[in-house]
Amino acid sequence: MHTIANPPLTSLTTVAGLLEAFGDTQPLPATLTTLDEIITDFIIETCHSAAICASYSRRQKIKVDDFKWVLRRDAKKLGRVTEIFFAEKILKDNRKAFDIGTGEGLVQGKKGAVKELGVEEEGEEGGRKKKKRKTEA
């Protein structure tokens, strides 16, 4: 049970929304608190297991790989975690590729090549061209 010293990690409206997504339109309060306790216990146990994995590796900080190691036996959960991190990496790369200065975006091609849209190359339009350095022979 949750007390003032041990508040719930998730709000009951979040848990109610989760149940509604799975078809329970009017969940009972007992169902909400039970599911909240189950979710909280799962999160705490997973974090403790990841911390133990990190301590075996002689690290103080928990890494993503520690969570992957904890979830390695559950293919569905591991696949979902991998999918989320892959989507996060794609979003991060897209944010990095966006050129804020000109307001133009960069689009990634099929083989990973980056193509600029609407941006002219430097030195073509009245700009200075870089001088070539002399190399000693």
Protein backbone atom coordinates (compact mmCIF):
# COMPACT_ATOMS: atom_id res chain seq x y z
CA MET A 1 0.00 0.00 0.00
CA HIS A 2 1.15 3.55 -0.67
CA THR A 3 1.68 5.89 2.24
CA ILE A 4 3.00 9.41 2.52
CA ALA A 5 6.53 8.00 2.81
CA ASN A 6 5.92 5.68 -0.17
CA PRO A 7 3.88 7.63 -2.78
CA PRO A 8 2.82 5.97 -6.04
CA LEU A 9 5.25 6.34 -8.96
CA THR A 10 2.45 6.65 -11.49
CA SER A 11 -0.68 8.75 -11.21
CA LEU A 12 -3.98 6.94 -11.08
CA THR A 13 -5.20 8.87 -14.12
CA THR A 14 -2.26 7.45 -16.10
CA VAL A 15 -3.11 3.94 -14.99
CA ALA A 16 -6.79 4.56 -15.77
CA GLY A 17 -5.80 5.73 -19.27
CA LEU A 18 -3.74 2.58 -19.72
CA LEU A 19 -6.68 0.40 -18.73
CA GLU A 20 -9.01 2.39 -20.98
CA ALA A 21 -6.66 1.81 -23.91
CA PHE A 22 -7.05 -1.92 -23.30
CA GLY A 23 -10.86 -1.71 -23.17
CA ASP A 24 -11.76 -1.13 -19.50
CA THR A 25 -13.86 2.03 -19.65
CA GLN A 26 -14.79 2.25 -15.95
CA PRO A 27 -11.98 0.63 -13.90
CA LEU A 28 -12.58 0.06 -10.22
CA PRO A 29 -10.42 1.97 -7.73
CA ALA A 30 -9.10 -1.34 -6.36
CA THR A 31 -8.01 -2.30 -9.88
CA LEU A 32 -6.19 1.01 -10.29
CA THR A 33 -4.29 0.70 -7.02
CA THR A 34 -3.42 -2.95 -7.65
CA LEU A 35 -2.11 -2.25 -11.14
CA ASP A 36 -0.20 0.77 -9.82
CA GLU A 37 1.50 -1.44 -7.20
CA ILE A 38 2.36 -4.06 -9.83
CA ILE A 39 3.89 -1.42 -12.14
CA THR A 40 5.79 0.19 -9.26
CA ASP A 41 7.17 -3.15 -8.07
CA PHE A 42 8.25 -4.07 -11.61
CA ILE A 43 10.08 -0.76 -12.11
CA ILE A 44 11.83 -0.97 -8.73
CA GLU A 45 12.86 -4.62 -9.21
CA THR A 46 14.14 -3.92 -12.73
CA CYS A 47 16.19 -0.95 -11.51
CA HIS A 48 17.63 -2.99 -8.63
CA SER A 49 18.58 -5.81 -11.00
CA ALA A 50 20.24 -3.32 -13.35
CA ALA A 51 22.14 -1.82 -10.41
CA ILE A 52 23.37 -5.28 -9.42
CA CYS A 53 24.47 -5.88 -13.02
CA ALA A 54 26.37 -2.59 -12.98
CA SER A 55 28.03 -3.46 -9.67
CA TYR A 56 29.20 -6.78 -11.12
CA SER A 57 30.84 -4.73 -13.86
CA ARG A 58 32.44 -2.55 -11.17
CA ARG A 59 30.53 0.57 -12.16
CA GLN A 60 28.65 3.02 -9.99
CA LYS A 61 26.34 4.23 -12.75
CA ILE A 62 23.66 2.18 -14.46
CA LYS A 63 23.84 2.06 -18.26
CA VAL A 64 21.24 1.17 -20.86
CA ASP A 65 23.05 -2.11 -21.48
CA ASP A 66 22.38 -3.10 -17.86
CA PHE A 67 18.64 -2.81 -18.47
CA LYS A 68 19.00 -4.77 -21.71
CA TRP A 69 20.84 -7.46 -19.76
CA VAL A 70 18.04 -7.62 -17.18
CA LEU A 71 15.39 -7.92 -19.92
CA ARG A 72 17.36 -10.37 -22.09
CA ARG A 73 15.10 -13.34 -21.26
CA ASP A 74 11.86 -11.53 -22.12
CA ALA A 75 11.90 -11.13 -25.89
CA LYS A 76 8.85 -8.83 -26.06
CA LYS A 77 10.14 -6.34 -23.52
CA LEU A 78 13.67 -6.39 -24.93
CA GLY A 79 12.33 -5.88 -28.44
CA ARG A 80 10.21 -2.94 -27.32
CA VAL A 81 13.17 -1.33 -25.51
CA THR A 82 15.36 -1.81 -28.59
CA GLU A 83 12.64 -0.34 -30.80
CA ILE A 84 12.25 2.73 -28.57
CA PHE A 85 16.01 3.37 -28.48
CA PHE A 86 16.25 2.95 -32.25
CA ALA A 87 13.44 5.48 -32.75
CA GLU A 88 15.16 7.85 -30.30
CA LYS A 89 18.41 7.54 -32.25
CA ILE A 90 16.63 8.37 -35.51
CA LEU A 91 15.00 11.43 -33.94
CA LYS A 92 18.34 12.54 -32.50
CA ASP A 93 20.02 12.20 -35.89
CA ASN A 94 17.20 14.11 -37.58
CA ARG A 95 17.46 16.93 -35.03
CA LYS A 96 21.21 17.08 -35.56
CA ALA A 97 20.75 17.18 -39.34
CA PHE A 98 18.34 20.12 -39.14
CA ASP A 99 20.13 23.35 -39.97
CA ILE A 100 18.74 25.96 -37.59
CA GLY A 101 20.65 28.88 -39.08
CA THR A 102 19.00 28.80 -42.50
CA GLY A 103 15.75 27.16 -41.48
CA GLU A 104 16.24 24.53 -44.14
CA GLY A 105 16.18 20.86 -43.26
CA LEU A 106 18.56 18.17 -44.32
CA VAL A 107 17.16 14.93 -45.64
CA GLN A 108 18.89 11.63 -45.19
CA GLY A 109 19.14 9.49 -48.30
CA LYS A 110 18.69 5.73 -48.60
CA LYS A 111 22.32 4.83 -47.99
CA GLY A 112 22.87 7.33 -45.18
CA ALA A 113 24.13 10.16 -47.38
CA VAL A 114 22.88 13.58 -46.36
CA LYS A 115 21.46 15.77 -49.11
CA GLU A 116 20.81 19.44 -48.58
CA LEU A 117 17.56 20.95 -49.76
CA GLY A 118 17.50 24.54 -50.94
CA VAL A 119 20.96 25.48 -49.69
CA GLU A 120 23.54 26.69 -52.16
CA GLU A 121 27.14 25.65 -51.87
CA GLU A 122 29.63 28.12 -50.41
CA GLY A 123 31.70 30.18 -52.76
CA GLU A 124 29.23 30.19 -55.65
CA GLU A 125 27.35 33.37 -54.92
CA GLY A 126 29.70 36.29 -54.30
CA GLY A 127 31.40 34.70 -51.33
CA ARG A 128 35.12 34.32 -50.95
CA LYS A 129 36.69 31.08 -51.93
CA LYS A 130 39.21 29.51 -49.61
CA LYS A 131 42.84 29.82 -50.63
CA LYS A 132 44.78 26.68 -51.17
CA ARG A 133 47.77 26.18 -48.95
CA LYS A 134 51.14 25.66 -50.49
CA THR A 135 52.71 22.36 -49.65
CA GLU A 136 56.43 22.05 -49.36
CA ALA A 137 57.99 19.49 -51.65
